[in-house]
């Protein structure tokens, strides 16, 4: 008697090494994306803190709002 197995192409059929490599790649990609975003926020803070009060008023923010504006500039409600 011959047993035929019909295992679909799923995560169970992928070798463990590939899953680990994929997970590691995703982790590195996510970390790098977060690091780049952090660097961009730091650069924006540095630039805005370099503005004088009149320049900040011209763009519609006060010095006390810089951190909030930078942290929430790319988020949509």
Protein backbone atom coordinates (compact mmCIF):
# COMPACT_ATOMS: atom_id res chain seq x y z
CA UNK A 1 0.00 0.00 0.00
CA UNK A 2 1.40 3.41 -1.01
CA UNK A 3 0.54 6.51 0.98
CA UNK A 4 0.26 9.74 -0.96
CA UNK A 5 0.58 12.94 0.97
CA UNK A 6 -1.06 16.07 -0.36
CA UNK A 7 0.64 18.72 1.75
CA UNK A 8 -0.18 22.16 0.41
CA UNK A 9 2.57 24.70 -0.12
CA UNK A 10 2.37 26.41 3.24
CA UNK A 11 4.59 27.51 6.06
CA UNK A 12 4.88 23.90 7.18
CA UNK A 13 6.53 23.00 3.88
CA UNK A 14 9.15 25.79 4.08
CA UNK A 15 12.44 24.70 5.62
CA UNK A 16 13.22 26.13 9.05
CA UNK A 17 16.35 27.87 7.79
CA UNK A 18 14.36 29.91 5.30
CA UNK A 19 11.80 30.91 7.93
CA UNK A 20 14.57 32.02 10.28
CA UNK A 21 16.30 33.93 7.50
CA UNK A 22 13.03 35.61 6.51
CA UNK A 23 12.27 36.55 10.12
CA UNK A 24 15.78 37.94 10.57
CA UNK A 25 15.48 39.89 7.33
CA UNK A 26 12.14 41.35 8.45
CA UNK A 27 13.60 42.29 11.83
CA UNK A 28 16.57 44.05 10.24
CA UNK A 29 14.33 45.84 7.75
CA UNK A 30 11.95 47.04 10.48
CA UNK A 31 14.84 48.16 12.70
CA UNK A 32 16.51 50.03 9.85
CA UNK A 33 13.24 51.72 8.90
CA UNK A 34 12.72 52.86 12.50
CA UNK A 35 16.32 54.08 12.76
CA UNK A 36 16.02 56.13 9.56
CA UNK A 37 12.74 57.66 10.76
CA UNK A 38 14.39 58.54 14.09
CA UNK A 39 17.31 60.21 12.30
CA UNK A 40 14.90 62.23 10.16
CA UNK A 41 12.99 63.39 13.25
CA UNK A 42 16.25 64.38 14.95
CA UNK A 43 17.29 66.41 11.89
CA UNK A 44 13.90 68.16 11.79
CA UNK A 45 14.16 69.01 15.51
CA UNK A 46 17.65 70.41 15.06
CA UNK A 47 16.53 72.54 12.13
CA UNK A 48 13.42 73.88 13.88
CA UNK A 49 15.25 74.65 17.11
CA UNK A 50 17.68 76.66 14.98
CA UNK A 51 14.86 78.95 13.82
CA UNK A 52 14.20 82.17 15.70
CA UNK A 53 10.77 82.86 17.19
CA UNK A 54 9.66 84.96 14.24
CA UNK A 55 10.52 82.20 11.74
CA UNK A 56 8.63 79.67 13.85
CA UNK A 57 5.64 82.01 14.05
CA UNK A 58 5.74 82.37 10.25
CA UNK A 59 5.26 78.62 9.84
CA UNK A 60 2.57 78.55 12.53
CA UNK A 61 4.25 76.90 15.50
CA UNK A 62 5.82 78.02 18.74
CA UNK A 63 9.06 76.76 20.22
CA UNK A 64 7.15 74.68 22.79
CA UNK A 65 5.34 72.83 19.98
CA UNK A 66 8.43 71.67 18.08
CA UNK A 67 8.65 68.20 19.67
CA UNK A 68 4.93 67.56 19.17
CA UNK A 69 4.96 68.76 15.57
CA UNK A 70 7.98 66.64 14.67
CA UNK A 71 6.65 63.52 16.40
CA UNK A 72 3.19 63.81 14.82
CA UNK A 73 4.01 65.27 11.40
CA UNK A 74 3.59 62.03 9.44
CA UNK A 75 0.61 60.61 11.35
CA UNK A 76 -2.94 60.88 10.16
CA UNK A 77 -5.95 60.86 12.47
